[in-house]
C-alpha atoms as a PDB file:
ATOM      1  CA  MET A   1      29.025   8.741  11.575  1.00  0.00           C
ATOM      2  CA  LYS A   2      30.062   5.679  12.546  1.00  0.00           C
ATOM      3  CA  MET A   3      26.428   4.419  13.711  1.00  0.00           C
ATOM      4  CA  ARG A   4      24.688   5.891  10.820  1.00  0.00           C
ATOM      5  CA  TRP A   5      24.063   2.264   9.308  1.00  0.00           C
ATOM      6  CA  LEU A   6      22.250   1.576  12.774  1.00  0.00           C
ATOM      7  CA  THR A   7      20.289   5.082  13.197  1.00  0.00           C
ATOM      8  CA  VAL A   8      19.022   4.297   9.162  1.00  0.00           C
ATOM      9  CA  PHE A   9      18.419   0.756   9.392  1.00  0.00           C
ATOM     10  CA  LEU A  10      16.141   1.135  12.823  1.00  0.00           C
ATOM     11  CA  LYS A  11      14.330   4.169  11.467  1.00  0.00           C
ATOM     12  CA  GLU A  12      13.422   1.830   8.524  1.00  0.00           C
ATOM     13  CA  VAL A  13      12.170  -0.976  11.348  1.00  0.00           C
ATOM     14  CA  LYS A  14      10.342   1.449  12.984  1.00  0.00           C
ATOM     15  CA  GLU A  15       8.466   2.348   9.896  1.00  0.00           C
ATOM     16  CA  ILE A  16       7.855  -0.736   8.995  1.00  0.00           C
ATOM     17  CA  ASN A  17       6.301  -1.959  12.530  1.00  0.00           C
ATOM     18  CA  GLN A  18       4.259   1.011  12.859  1.00  0.00           C
ATOM     19  CA  GLU A  19       2.774  -0.246   9.261  1.00  0.00           C
ATOM     20  CA  GLU A  20       2.316  -3.435  10.735  1.00  0.00           C
ATOM     21  CA  ILE A  21       0.576  -3.010  13.399  1.00  0.00           C
ATOM     22  CA  MET A  22      -1.729  -0.514  11.632  1.00  0.00           C
ATOM     23  CA  LEU A  23      -2.396  -3.319   9.468  1.00  0.00           C
ATOM     24  CA  GLY A  24      -3.191  -5.884  12.152  1.00  0.00           C
ATOM     25  CA  GLN A  25      -5.648  -3.459  13.741  1.00  0.00           C
ATOM     26  CA  LEU A  26      -7.308  -2.798  10.225  1.00  0.00           C
ATOM     27  CA  ALA A  27      -7.649  -6.320  10.041  1.00  0.00           C
ATOM     28  CA  GLN A  28      -9.616  -6.821  13.859  1.00  0.00           C
ATOM     29  CA  GLY A  29     -11.558  -4.085  12.873  1.00  0.00           C
ATOM     30  CA  ASN A  30     -12.910  -5.108   9.440  1.00  0.00           C
ATOM     31  CA  ALA A  31     -11.897  -8.951   9.197  1.00  0.00           C
ATOM     32  CA  VAL A  32     -15.413 -11.121   8.903  1.00  0.00           C
ATOM     33  CA  THR A  33     -13.582 -14.256  10.614  1.00  0.00           C
ATOM     34  CA  VAL A  34     -12.516 -15.029  13.737  1.00  0.00           C
ATOM     35  CA  GLU A  35      -8.975 -16.764  12.379  1.00  0.00           C
ATOM     36  CA  THR A  36      -8.383 -13.326  10.337  1.00  0.00           C
ATOM     37  CA  LYS A  37      -9.267 -10.815  13.534  1.00  0.00           C
ATOM     38  CA  ASP A  38      -6.938 -13.521  15.359  1.00  0.00           C
ATOM     39  CA  LEU A  39      -3.811 -12.835  12.825  1.00  0.00           C
ATOM     40  CA  GLY A  40      -4.606  -9.010  13.340  1.00  0.00           C
ATOM     41  CA  LYS A  41      -4.332  -9.662  16.690  1.00  0.00           C
ATOM     42  CA  MET A  42      -0.970 -11.386  16.720  1.00  0.00           C
ATOM     43  CA  MET A  43       0.012  -9.047  14.673  1.00  0.00           C
ATOM     44  CA  GLU A  44      -0.502  -6.243  16.408  1.00  0.00           C
ATOM     45  CA  GLU A  45       0.947  -8.006  19.424  1.00  0.00           C
ATOM     46  CA  SER A  46       4.148  -9.171  17.539  1.00  0.00           C
ATOM     47  CA  HIS A  47       4.994  -6.171  16.053  1.00  0.00           C
ATOM     48  CA  GLY A  48       4.353  -3.618  19.217  1.00  0.00           C
ATOM     49  CA  ARG A  49       7.275  -5.742  21.355  1.00  0.00           C
ATOM     50  CA  CYS A  50       9.546  -5.554  18.592  1.00  0.00           C
ATOM     51  CA  GLU A  51       8.910  -2.114  18.614  1.00  0.00           C
ATOM     52  CA  ASP A  52       9.205  -2.163  22.443  1.00  0.00           C
ATOM     53  CA  GLU A  53      12.706  -3.980  21.669  1.00  0.00           C
ATOM     54  CA  VAL A  54      13.659  -0.919  18.625  1.00  0.00           C
ATOM     55  CA  ASP A  55      12.876   1.392  21.698  1.00  0.00           C
ATOM     56  CA  ASP A  56      15.072   0.083  24.044  1.00  0.00           C
ATOM     57  CA  LEU A  57      18.091  -0.438  21.719  1.00  0.00           C
ATOM     58  CA  ILE A  58      17.804   2.998  20.625  1.00  0.00           C
ATOM     59  CA  ASN A  59      17.967   4.183  23.938  1.00  0.00           C
ATOM     60  CA  LYS A  60      20.765   2.226  24.899  1.00  0.00           C
ATOM     61  CA  LYS A  61      22.569   3.197  21.963  1.00  0.00           C
ATOM     62  CA  SER A  62      21.816   7.080  22.659  1.00  0.00           C
ATOM     63  CA  LEU A  63      20.867   7.019  19.146  1.00  0.00           C
ATOM     64  CA  GLY A  64      17.866   9.563  19.817  1.00  0.00           C
ATOM     65  CA  LEU A  65      15.459   8.463  16.628  1.00  0.00           C
ATOM     66  CA  LEU A  66      12.636   9.531  17.999  1.00  0.00           C
ATOM     67  CA  ALA A  67      13.227  12.963  17.019  1.00  0.00           C
ATOM     68  CA  VAL A  68      14.732  12.277  13.526  1.00  0.00           C
ATOM     69  CA  SER A  69      11.755  12.591  10.756  1.00  0.00           C
END
């Protein structure tokens, strides 16, 4: 399959983004300092936007990654 490399790459990007979003949420919930809470919020928002962009690319290329486990 020609797009196999792209499918594998985007799947890995989605996994990393989801981990970063969870880490940002953990930082917001468990941080002591305002700076760390703000960093967690920035991580969640930034990686959330990246997740949206990856989903748009998946839909544009009709890769159907969401069904791939």
